[in-house]
mmCIF file of all heavy atoms, coordinates in Angstrom:
data_MODEL
# 
_entry.id   MODEL 
# 
loop_
_atom_site.group_PDB 
_atom_site.id 
_atom_site.type_symbol 
_atom_site.label_atom_id 
_atom_site.label_alt_id 
_atom_site.label_comp_id 
_atom_site.label_asym_id 
_atom_site.label_entity_id 
_atom_site.label_seq_id 
_atom_site.pdbx_PDB_ins_code 
_atom_site.Cartn_x 
_atom_site.Cartn_y 
_atom_site.Cartn_z 
_atom_site.occupancy 
_atom_site.B_iso_or_equiv 
_atom_site.pdbx_formal_charge 
_atom_site.auth_seq_id 
_atom_site.auth_comp_id 
_atom_site.auth_asym_id 
_atom_site.auth_atom_id 
_atom_site.pdbx_PDB_model_num 
ATOM 1   N N   . GLU A 1 1  ? 9.817   -8.127  -3.639  1.00 0.00 ? 1  GLU A N   1 
ATOM 2   C CA  . GLU A 1 1  ? 10.936  -8.929  -3.134  1.00 0.00 ? 1  GLU A CA  1 
ATOM 3   C C   . GLU A 1 1  ? 10.808  -9.139  -1.637  1.00 0.00 ? 1  GLU A C   1 
ATOM 4   O O   . GLU A 1 1  ? 11.143  -10.207 -1.121  1.00 0.00 ? 1  GLU A O   1 
ATOM 5   C CB  . GLU A 1 1  ? 12.261  -8.237  -3.460  1.00 0.00 ? 1  GLU A CB  1 
ATOM 6   C CG  . GLU A 1 1  ? 12.611  -8.247  -4.948  1.00 0.00 ? 1  GLU A CG  1 
ATOM 7   C CD  . GLU A 1 1  ? 13.976  -7.637  -5.210  1.00 0.00 ? 1  GLU A CD  1 
ATOM 8   O OE1 . GLU A 1 1  ? 14.664  -7.283  -4.213  1.00 0.00 ? 1  GLU A OE1 1 
ATOM 9   O OE2 . GLU A 1 1  ? 14.350  -7.513  -6.394  1.00 0.00 ? 1  GLU A OE2 1 
ATOM 10  N N   . GLU A 1 2  ? 10.310  -8.129  -0.935  1.00 0.00 ? 2  GLU A N   1 
ATOM 11  C CA  . GLU A 1 2  ? 10.145  -8.248  0.511   1.00 0.00 ? 2  GLU A CA  1 
ATOM 12  C C   . GLU A 1 2  ? 8.944   -9.120  0.873   1.00 0.00 ? 2  GLU A C   1 
ATOM 13  O O   . GLU A 1 2  ? 8.942   -9.801  1.897   1.00 0.00 ? 2  GLU A O   1 
ATOM 14  C CB  . GLU A 1 2  ? 9.961   -6.862  1.138   1.00 0.00 ? 2  GLU A CB  1 
ATOM 15  C CG  . GLU A 1 2  ? 11.157  -5.922  0.980   1.00 0.00 ? 2  GLU A CG  1 
ATOM 16  C CD  . GLU A 1 2  ? 11.237  -5.303  -0.399  1.00 0.00 ? 2  GLU A CD  1 
ATOM 17  O OE1 . GLU A 1 2  ? 10.181  -5.248  -1.087  1.00 0.00 ? 2  GLU A OE1 1 
ATOM 18  O OE2 . GLU A 1 2  ? 12.338  -4.902  -0.814  1.00 0.00 ? 2  GLU A OE2 1 
ATOM 19  N N   . SER A 1 3  ? 7.902   -9.113  0.037   1.00 0.00 ? 3  SER A N   1 
ATOM 20  C CA  . SER A 1 3  ? 6.695   -9.908  0.286   1.00 0.00 ? 3  SER A CA  1 
ATOM 21  C C   . SER A 1 3  ? 6.381   -10.718 -0.967  1.00 0.00 ? 3  SER A C   1 
ATOM 22  O O   . SER A 1 3  ? 5.571   -10.309 -1.812  1.00 0.00 ? 3  SER A O   1 
ATOM 23  C CB  . SER A 1 3  ? 5.517   -8.994  0.634   1.00 0.00 ? 3  SER A CB  1 
ATOM 24  O OG  . SER A 1 3  ? 5.796   -8.201  1.769   1.00 0.00 ? 3  SER A OG  1 
ATOM 25  N N   . PRO A 1 4  ? 7.010   -11.877 -1.133  1.00 0.00 ? 4  PRO A N   1 
ATOM 26  C CA  . PRO A 1 4  ? 6.904   -12.644 -2.380  1.00 0.00 ? 4  PRO A CA  1 
ATOM 27  C C   . PRO A 1 4  ? 5.600   -13.404 -2.573  1.00 0.00 ? 4  PRO A C   1 
ATOM 28  O O   . PRO A 1 4  ? 5.397   -13.991 -3.630  1.00 0.00 ? 4  PRO A O   1 
ATOM 29  C CB  . PRO A 1 4  ? 8.081   -13.610 -2.279  1.00 0.00 ? 4  PRO A CB  1 
ATOM 30  C CG  . PRO A 1 4  ? 8.311   -13.788 -0.816  1.00 0.00 ? 4  PRO A CG  1 
ATOM 31  C CD  . PRO A 1 4  ? 7.968   -12.479 -0.175  1.00 0.00 ? 4  PRO A CD  1 
ATOM 32  N N   . VAL A 1 5  ? 4.722   -13.418 -1.560  1.00 0.00 ? 5  VAL A N   1 
ATOM 33  C CA  . VAL A 1 5  ? 3.421   -14.077 -1.708  1.00 0.00 ? 5  VAL A CA  1 
ATOM 34  C C   . VAL A 1 5  ? 2.334   -13.149 -1.184  1.00 0.00 ? 5  VAL A C   1 
ATOM 35  O O   . VAL A 1 5  ? 2.593   -12.298 -0.324  1.00 0.00 ? 5  VAL A O   1 
ATOM 36  C CB  . VAL A 1 5  ? 3.371   -15.428 -0.950  1.00 0.00 ? 5  VAL A CB  1 
ATOM 37  C CG1 . VAL A 1 5  ? 4.364   -16.415 -1.538  1.00 0.00 ? 5  VAL A CG1 1 
ATOM 38  C CG2 . VAL A 1 5  ? 3.621   -15.237 0.536   1.00 0.00 ? 5  VAL A CG2 1 
ATOM 39  N N   . THR A 1 6  ? 1.136   -13.310 -1.704  1.00 0.00 ? 6  THR A N   1 
ATOM 40  C CA  . THR A 1 6  ? 0.014   -12.510 -1.221  1.00 0.00 ? 6  THR A CA  1 
ATOM 41  C C   . THR A 1 6  ? -0.529  -13.127 0.070   1.00 0.00 ? 6  THR A C   1 
ATOM 42  O O   . THR A 1 6  ? -0.391  -14.331 0.300   1.00 0.00 ? 6  THR A O   1 
ATOM 43  C CB  . THR A 1 6  ? -1.107  -12.444 -2.275  1.00 0.00 ? 6  THR A CB  1 
ATOM 44  O OG1 . THR A 1 6  ? -1.464  -13.772 -2.669  1.00 0.00 ? 6  THR A OG1 1 
ATOM 45  C CG2 . THR A 1 6  ? -0.645  -11.673 -3.507  1.00 0.00 ? 6  THR A CG2 1 
ATOM 46  N N   . PRO A 1 7  ? -1.152  -12.322 0.934   1.00 0.00 ? 7  PRO A N   1 
ATOM 47  C CA  . PRO A 1 7  ? -1.610  -12.819 2.236   1.00 0.00 ? 7  PRO A CA  1 
ATOM 48  C C   . PRO A 1 7  ? -2.719  -13.860 2.106   1.00 0.00 ? 7  PRO A C   1 
ATOM 49  O O   . PRO A 1 7  ? -3.475  -13.876 1.128   1.00 0.00 ? 7  PRO A O   1 
ATOM 50  C CB  . PRO A 1 7  ? -2.136  -11.551 2.937   1.00 0.00 ? 7  PRO A CB  1 
ATOM 51  C CG  . PRO A 1 7  ? -1.525  -10.410 2.197   1.00 0.00 ? 7  PRO A CG  1 
ATOM 52  C CD  . PRO A 1 7  ? -1.353  -10.868 0.793   1.00 0.00 ? 7  PRO A CD  1 
ATOM 53  N N   . GLU A 1 8  ? -2.819  -14.712 3.128   1.00 0.00 ? 8  GLU A N   1 
ATOM 54  C CA  . GLU A 1 8  ? -3.917  -15.664 3.220   1.00 0.00 ? 8  GLU A CA  1 
ATOM 55  C C   . GLU A 1 8  ? -4.860  -15.222 4.337   1.00 0.00 ? 8  GLU A C   1 
ATOM 56  O O   . GLU A 1 8  ? -4.424  -14.656 5.342   1.00 0.00 ? 8  GLU A O   1 
ATOM 57  C CB  . GLU A 1 8  ? -3.388  -17.070 3.498   1.00 0.00 ? 8  GLU A CB  1 
ATOM 58  C CG  . GLU A 1 8  ? -2.570  -17.648 2.346   1.00 0.00 ? 8  GLU A CG  1 
ATOM 59  C CD  . GLU A 1 8  ? -2.233  -19.120 2.561   1.00 0.00 ? 8  GLU A CD  1 
ATOM 60  O OE1 . GLU A 1 8  ? -2.658  -19.686 3.590   1.00 0.00 ? 8  GLU A OE1 1 
ATOM 61  O OE2 . GLU A 1 8  ? -1.556  -19.705 1.693   1.00 0.00 ? 8  GLU A OE2 1 
ATOM 62  N N   . TYR A 1 9  ? -6.153  -15.478 4.137   1.00 0.00 ? 9  TYR A N   1 
ATOM 63  C CA  . TYR A 1 9  ? -7.161  -15.094 5.118   1.00 0.00 ? 9  TYR A CA  1 
ATOM 64  C C   . TYR A 1 9  ? -8.003  -16.308 5.488   1.00 0.00 ? 9  TYR A C   1 
ATOM 65  O O   . TYR A 1 9  ? -8.384  -17.104 4.620   1.00 0.00 ? 9  TYR A O   1 
ATOM 66  C CB  . TYR A 1 9  ? -8.072  -14.000 4.557   1.00 0.00 ? 9  TYR A CB  1 
ATOM 67  C CG  . TYR A 1 9  ? -7.387  -12.669 4.356   1.00 0.00 ? 9  TYR A CG  1 
ATOM 68  C CD1 . TYR A 1 9  ? -6.919  -12.289 3.105   1.00 0.00 ? 9  TYR A CD1 1 
ATOM 69  C CD2 . TYR A 1 9  ? -7.216  -11.800 5.430   1.00 0.00 ? 9  TYR A CD2 1 
ATOM 70  C CE1 . TYR A 1 9  ? -6.297  -11.062 2.928   1.00 0.00 ? 9  TYR A CE1 1 
ATOM 71  C CE2 . TYR A 1 9  ? -6.595  -10.578 5.256   1.00 0.00 ? 9  TYR A CE2 1 
ATOM 72  C CZ  . TYR A 1 9  ? -6.132  -10.214 4.009   1.00 0.00 ? 9  TYR A CZ  1 
ATOM 73  O OH  . TYR A 1 9  ? -5.517  -9.004  3.834   1.00 0.00 ? 9  TYR A OH  1 
ATOM 74  N N   . LYS A 1 10 ? -8.326  -16.416 6.759   1.00 0.00 ? 10 LYS A N   1 
ATOM 75  C CA  . LYS A 1 10 ? -9.168  -17.522 7.212   1.00 0.00 ? 10 LYS A CA  1 
ATOM 76  C C   . LYS A 1 10 ? -10.608 -17.385 6.732   1.00 0.00 ? 10 LYS A C   1 
ATOM 77  O O   . LYS A 1 10 ? -11.343 -18.377 6.676   1.00 0.00 ? 10 LYS A O   1 
ATOM 78  C CB  . LYS A 1 10 ? -9.129  -17.616 8.741   1.00 0.00 ? 10 LYS A CB  1 
ATOM 79  C CG  . LYS A 1 10 ? -7.767  -18.033 9.296   1.00 0.00 ? 10 LYS A CG  1 
ATOM 80  C CD  . LYS A 1 10 ? -7.806  -18.144 10.810  1.00 0.00 ? 10 LYS A CD  1 
ATOM 81  C CE  . LYS A 1 10 ? -6.451  -18.590 11.351  1.00 0.00 ? 10 LYS A CE  1 
ATOM 82  N NZ  . LYS A 1 10 ? -6.463  -18.690 12.840  1.00 0.00 ? 10 LYS A NZ  1 
ATOM 83  N N   . ASP A 1 11 ? -11.017 -16.156 6.395   1.00 0.00 ? 11 ASP A N   1 
ATOM 84  C CA  . ASP A 1 11 ? -12.386 -15.942 5.935   1.00 0.00 ? 11 ASP A CA  1 
ATOM 85  C C   . ASP A 1 11 ? -12.444 -15.671 4.428   1.00 0.00 ? 11 ASP A C   1 
ATOM 86  O O   . ASP A 1 11 ? -13.341 -14.977 3.939   1.00 0.00 ? 11 ASP A O   1 
ATOM 87  C CB  . ASP A 1 11 ? -13.062 -14.812 6.708   1.00 0.00 ? 11 ASP A CB  1 
ATOM 88  C CG  . ASP A 1 11 ? -12.360 -13.469 6.546   1.00 0.00 ? 11 ASP A CG  1 
ATOM 89  O OD1 . ASP A 1 11 ? -11.151 -13.461 6.241   1.00 0.00 ? 11 ASP A OD1 1 
ATOM 90  O OD2 . ASP A 1 11 ? -13.026 -12.422 6.741   1.00 0.00 ? 11 ASP A OD2 1 
ATOM 91  N N   . THR A 1 12 ? -11.507 -16.240 3.675   1.00 0.00 ? 12 THR A N   1 
ATOM 92  C CA  . THR A 1 12 ? -11.500 -16.057 2.224   1.00 0.00 ? 12 THR A CA  1 
ATOM 93  C C   . THR A 1 12 ? -12.785 -16.598 1.606   1.00 0.00 ? 12 THR A C   1 
ATOM 94  O O   . THR A 1 12 ? -13.203 -17.725 1.895   1.00 0.00 ? 12 THR A O   1 
ATOM 95  C CB  . THR A 1 12 ? -10.295 -16.774 1.594   1.00 0.00 ? 12 THR A CB  1 
ATOM 96  O OG1 . THR A 1 12 ? -9.097  -16.151 2.053   1.00 0.00 ? 12 THR A OG1 1 
ATOM 97  C CG2 . THR A 1 12 ? -10.340 -16.698 0.074   1.00 0.00 ? 12 THR A CG2 1 
ATOM 98  N N   . ILE A 1 13 ? -13.387 -15.805 0.711   1.00 0.00 ? 13 ILE A N   1 
ATOM 99  C CA  . ILE A 1 13 ? -14.606 -16.230 0.024   1.00 0.00 ? 13 ILE A CA  1 
ATOM 100 C C   . ILE A 1 13 ? -14.453 -16.198 -1.492  1.00 0.00 ? 13 ILE A C   1 
ATOM 101 O O   . ILE A 1 13 ? -15.343 -16.659 -2.220  1.00 0.00 ? 13 ILE A O   1 
ATOM 102 C CB  . ILE A 1 13 ? -15.816 -15.369 0.425   1.00 0.00 ? 13 ILE A CB  1 
ATOM 103 C CG1 . ILE A 1 13 ? -15.513 -13.873 0.218   1.00 0.00 ? 13 ILE A CG1 1 
ATOM 104 C CG2 . ILE A 1 13 ? -16.221 -15.658 1.868   1.00 0.00 ? 13 ILE A CG2 1 
ATOM 105 C CD1 . ILE A 1 13 ? -16.718 -12.974 0.389   1.00 0.00 ? 13 ILE A CD1 1 
ATOM 106 N N   . ALA A 1 14 ? -13.348 -15.652 -1.993  1.00 0.00 ? 14 ALA A N   1 
ATOM 107 C CA  . ALA A 1 14 ? -13.133 -15.569 -3.438  1.00 0.00 ? 14 ALA A CA  1 
ATOM 108 C C   . ALA A 1 14 ? -11.652 -15.305 -3.683  1.00 0.00 ? 14 ALA A C   1 
ATOM 109 O O   . ALA A 1 14 ? -10.914 -14.900 -2.774  1.00 0.00 ? 14 ALA A O   1 
ATOM 110 C CB  . ALA A 1 14 ? -13.979 -14.460 -4.064  1.00 0.00 ? 14 ALA A CB  1 
ATOM 111 N N   . VAL A 1 15 ? -11.235 -15.525 -4.918  1.00 0.00 ? 15 VAL A N   1 
ATOM 112 C CA  . VAL A 1 15 ? -9.873  -15.227 -5.336  1.00 0.00 ? 15 VAL A CA  1 
ATOM 113 C C   . VAL A 1 15 ? -9.927  -14.200 -6.459  1.00 0.00 ? 15 VAL A C   1 
ATOM 114 O O   . VAL A 1 15 ? -10.645 -14.385 -7.446  1.00 0.00 ? 15 VAL A O   1 
ATOM 115 C CB  . VAL A 1 15 ? -9.132  -16.495 -5.812  1.00 0.00 ? 15 VAL A CB  1 
ATOM 116 C CG1 . VAL A 1 15 ? -7.758  -16.144 -6.378  1.00 0.00 ? 15 VAL A CG1 1 
ATOM 117 C CG2 . VAL A 1 15 ? -8.987  -17.489 -4.663  1.00 0.00 ? 15 VAL A CG2 1 
ATOM 118 N N   . GLY A 1 16 ? -9.191  -13.100 -6.300  1.00 0.00 ? 16 GLY A N   1 
ATOM 119 C CA  . GLY A 1 16 ? -9.026  -12.118 -7.364  1.00 0.00 ? 16 GLY A CA  1 
ATOM 120 C C   . GLY A 1 16 ? -7.759  -12.406 -8.120  1.00 0.00 ? 16 GLY A C   1 
ATOM 121 O O   . GLY A 1 16 ? -6.806  -12.968 -7.560  1.00 0.00 ? 16 GLY A O   1 
ATOM 122 N N   . GLU A 1 17 ? -7.714  -11.996 -9.415  1.00 0.00 ? 17 GLU A N   1 
ATOM 123 C CA  . GLU A 1 17 ? -6.530  -12.400 -10.173 1.00 0.00 ? 17 GLU A CA  1 
ATOM 124 C C   . GLU A 1 17 ? -6.140  -11.442 -11.292 1.00 0.00 ? 17 GLU A C   1 
ATOM 125 O O   . GLU A 1 17 ? -5.099  -11.641 -11.910 1.00 0.00 ? 17 GLU A O   1 
ATOM 126 C CB  . GLU A 1 17 ? -6.757  -13.797 -10.763 1.00 0.00 ? 17 GLU A CB  1 
ATOM 127 C CG  . GLU A 1 17 ? -8.032  -13.996 -11.563 1.00 0.00 ? 17 GLU A CG  1 
ATOM 128 C CD  . GLU A 1 17 ? -7.957  -13.456 -12.975 1.00 0.00 ? 17 GLU A CD  1 
ATOM 129 O OE1 . GLU A 1 17 ? -6.952  -13.717 -13.660 1.00 0.00 ? 17 GLU A OE1 1 
ATOM 130 O OE2 . GLU A 1 17 ? -8.896  -12.759 -13.395 1.00 0.00 ? 17 GLU A OE2 1 
ATOM 131 N N   . PHE A 1 18 ? -6.914  -10.407 -11.560 1.00 0.00 ? 18 PHE A N   1 
ATOM 132 C CA  . PHE A 1 18 ? -6.611  -9.550  -12.704 1.00 0.00 ? 18 PHE A CA  1 
ATOM 133 C C   . PHE A 1 18 ? -5.588  -8.484  -12.310 1.00 0.00 ? 18 PHE A C   1 
ATOM 134 O O   . PHE A 1 18 ? -5.610  -7.978  -11.191 1.00 0.00 ? 18 PHE A O   1 
ATOM 135 C CB  . PHE A 1 18 ? -7.881  -8.893  -13.228 1.00 0.00 ? 18 PHE A CB  1 
ATOM 136 C CG  . PHE A 1 18 ? -7.755  -8.386  -14.629 1.00 0.00 ? 18 PHE A CG  1 
ATOM 137 C CD1 . PHE A 1 18 ? -7.727  -9.262  -15.693 1.00 0.00 ? 18 PHE A CD1 1 
ATOM 138 C CD2 . PHE A 1 18 ? -7.639  -7.034  -14.883 1.00 0.00 ? 18 PHE A CD2 1 
ATOM 139 C CE1 . PHE A 1 18 ? -7.604  -8.804  -17.001 1.00 0.00 ? 18 PHE A CE1 1 
ATOM 140 C CE2 . PHE A 1 18 ? -7.517  -6.557  -16.175 1.00 0.00 ? 18 PHE A CE2 1 
ATOM 141 C CZ  . PHE A 1 18 ? -7.496  -7.442  -17.246 1.00 0.00 ? 18 PHE A CZ  1 
ATOM 142 N N   . PRO A 1 19 ? -4.691  -8.117  -13.223 1.00 0.00 ? 19 PRO A N   1 
ATOM 143 C CA  . PRO A 1 19 ? -3.715  -7.065  -12.905 1.00 0.00 ? 19 PRO A CA  1 
ATOM 144 C C   . PRO A 1 19 ? -4.384  -5.752  -12.516 1.00 0.00 ? 19 PRO A C   1 
ATOM 145 O O   . PRO A 1 19 ? -5.474  -5.429  -12.992 1.00 0.00 ? 19 PRO A O   1 
ATOM 146 C CB  . PRO A 1 19 ? -2.929  -6.908  -14.202 1.00 0.00 ? 19 PRO A CB  1 
ATOM 147 C CG  . PRO A 1 19 ? -3.073  -8.210  -14.901 1.00 0.00 ? 19 PRO A CG  1 
ATOM 148 C CD  . PRO A 1 19 ? -4.455  -8.697  -14.556 1.00 0.00 ? 19 PRO A CD  1 
ATOM 149 N N   . ILE A 1 20 ? -3.738  -4.995  -11.641 1.00 0.00 ? 20 ILE A N   1 
ATOM 150 C CA  . ILE A 1 20 ? -4.192  -3.645  -11.335 1.00 0.00 ? 20 ILE A CA  1 
ATOM 151 C C   . ILE A 1 20 ? -4.301  -2.870  -12.644 1.00 0.00 ? 20 ILE A C   1 
ATOM 152 O O   . ILE A 1 20 ? -3.359  -2.833  -13.433 1.00 0.00 ? 20 ILE A O   1 
ATOM 153 C CB  . ILE A 1 20 ? -3.199  -2.947  -10.375 1.00 0.00 ? 20 ILE A CB  1 
ATOM 154 C CG1 . ILE A 1 20 ? -3.205  -3.641  -9.011  1.00 0.00 ? 20 ILE A CG1 1 
ATOM 155 C CG2 . ILE A 1 20 ? -3.533  -1.473  -10.235 1.00 0.00 ? 20 ILE A CG2 1 
ATOM 156 C CD1 . ILE A 1 20 ? -2.059  -3.210  -8.119  1.00 0.00 ? 20 ILE A CD1 1 
ATOM 157 N N   . ASP A 1 21 ? -5.448  -2.258  -12.886 1.00 0.00 ? 21 ASP A N   1 
ATOM 158 C CA  . ASP A 1 21 ? -5.701  -1.626  -14.173 1.00 0.00 ? 21 ASP A CA  1 
ATOM 159 C C   . ASP A 1 21 ? -6.707  -0.499  -13.967 1.00 0.00 ? 21 ASP A C   1 
ATOM 160 O O   . ASP A 1 21 ? -7.901  -0.750  -13.814 1.00 0.00 ? 21 ASP A O   1 
ATOM 161 C CB  . ASP A 1 21 ? -6.239  -2.664  -15.162 1.00 0.00 ? 21 ASP A CB  1 
ATOM 162 C CG  . ASP A 1 21 ? -6.458  -2.081  -16.552 1.00 0.00 ? 21 ASP A CG  1 
ATOM 163 O OD1 . ASP A 1 21 ? -5.674  -1.228  -16.970 1.00 0.00 ? 21 ASP A OD1 1 
ATOM 164 O OD2 . ASP A 1 21 ? -7.434  -2.499  -17.218 1.00 0.00 ? 21 ASP A OD2 1 
ATOM 165 N N   . SER A 1 22 ? -6.229  0.737   -13.945 1.00 0.00 ? 22 SER A N   1 
ATOM 166 C CA  . SER A 1 22 ? -7.094  1.891   -13.743 1.00 0.00 ? 22 SER A CA  1 
ATOM 167 C C   . SER A 1 22 ? -7.015  2.809   -14.942 1.00 0.00 ? 22 SER A C   1 
ATOM 168 O O   . SER A 1 22 ? -5.924  3.128   -15.422 1.00 0.00 ? 22 SER A O   1 
ATOM 169 C CB  . SER A 1 22 ? -6.670  2.661   -12.489 1.00 0.00 ? 22 SER A CB  1 
ATOM 170 O OG  . SER A 1 22 ? -7.416  3.862   -12.370 1.00 0.00 ? 22 SER A OG  1 
ATOM 171 N N   . PHE A 1 23 ? -8.159  3.240   -15.428 1.00 0.00 ? 23 PHE A N   1 
ATOM 172 C CA  . PHE A 1 23 ? -8.178  4.215   -16.512 1.00 0.00 ? 23 PHE A CA  1 
ATOM 173 C C   . PHE A 1 23 ? -7.717  5.583   -15.992 1.00 0.00 ? 23 PHE A C   1 
ATOM 174 O O   . PHE A 1 23 ? -7.747  5.843   -14.784 1.00 0.00 ? 23 PHE A O   1 
ATOM 175 C CB  . PHE A 1 23 ? -9.585  4.299   -17.101 1.00 0.00 ? 23 PHE A CB  1 
ATOM 176 C CG  . PHE A 1 23 ? -9.783  3.402   -18.296 1.00 0.00 ? 23 PHE A CG  1 
ATOM 177 C CD1 . PHE A 1 23 ? -9.232  2.128   -18.326 1.00 0.00 ? 23 PHE A CD1 1 
ATOM 178 C CD2 . PHE A 1 23 ? -10.519 3.820   -19.394 1.00 0.00 ? 23 PHE A CD2 1 
ATOM 179 C CE1 . PHE A 1 23 ? -9.406  1.293   -19.421 1.00 0.00 ? 23 PHE A CE1 1 
ATOM 180 C CE2 . PHE A 1 23 ? -10.706 3.001   -20.495 1.00 0.00 ? 23 PHE A CE2 1 
ATOM 181 C CZ  . PHE A 1 23 ? -10.147 1.737   -20.507 1.00 0.00 ? 23 PHE A CZ  1 
ATOM 182 N N   . PRO A 1 24 ? -7.299  6.470   -16.890 1.00 0.00 ? 24 PRO A N   1 
ATOM 183 C CA  . PRO A 1 24 ? -6.865  7.810   -16.469 1.00 0.00 ? 24 PRO A CA  1 
ATOM 184 C C   . PRO A 1 24 ? -7.964  8.538   -15.708 1.00 0.00 ? 24 PRO A C   1 
ATOM 185 O O   . PRO A 1 24 ? -9.152  8.280   -15.918 1.00 0.00 ? 24 PRO A O   1 
ATOM 186 C CB  . PRO A 1 24 ? -6.558  8.519   -17.791 1.00 0.00 ? 24 PRO A CB  1 
ATOM 187 C CG  . PRO A 1 24 ? -6.336  7.434   -18.783 1.00 0.00 ? 24 PRO A CG  1 
ATOM 188 C CD  . PRO A 1 24 ? -7.226  6.302   -18.359 1.00 0.00 ? 24 PRO A CD  1 
ATOM 189 N N   . VAL A 1 25 ? -7.549  9.454   -14.856 1.00 0.00 ? 25 VAL A N   1 
ATOM 190 C CA  . VAL A 1 25 ? -8.534  10.262  -14.142 1.00 0.00 ? 25 VAL A CA  1 
ATOM 191 C C   . VAL A 1 25 ? -8.583  11.700  -14.667 1.00 0.00 ? 25 VAL A C   1 
ATOM 192 O O   . VAL A 1 25 ? -9.537  12.418  -14.387 1.00 0.00 ? 25 VAL A O   1 
ATOM 193 C CB  . VAL A 1 25 ? -8.267  10.284  -12.621 1.00 0.00 ? 25 VAL A CB  1 
ATOM 194 C CG1 . VAL A 1 25 ? -8.174  8.880   -12.059 1.00 0.00 ? 25 VAL A CG1 1 
ATOM 195 C CG2 . VAL A 1 25 ? -7.013  11.066  -12.278 1.00 0.00 ? 25 VAL A CG2 1 
# 
């Protein structure tokens, strides 16, 4: 709610899009 958009970078080279997903440790 405080940061409703992801940051933009002037040196962007790719876009990531998959949900955070970590297997158990």
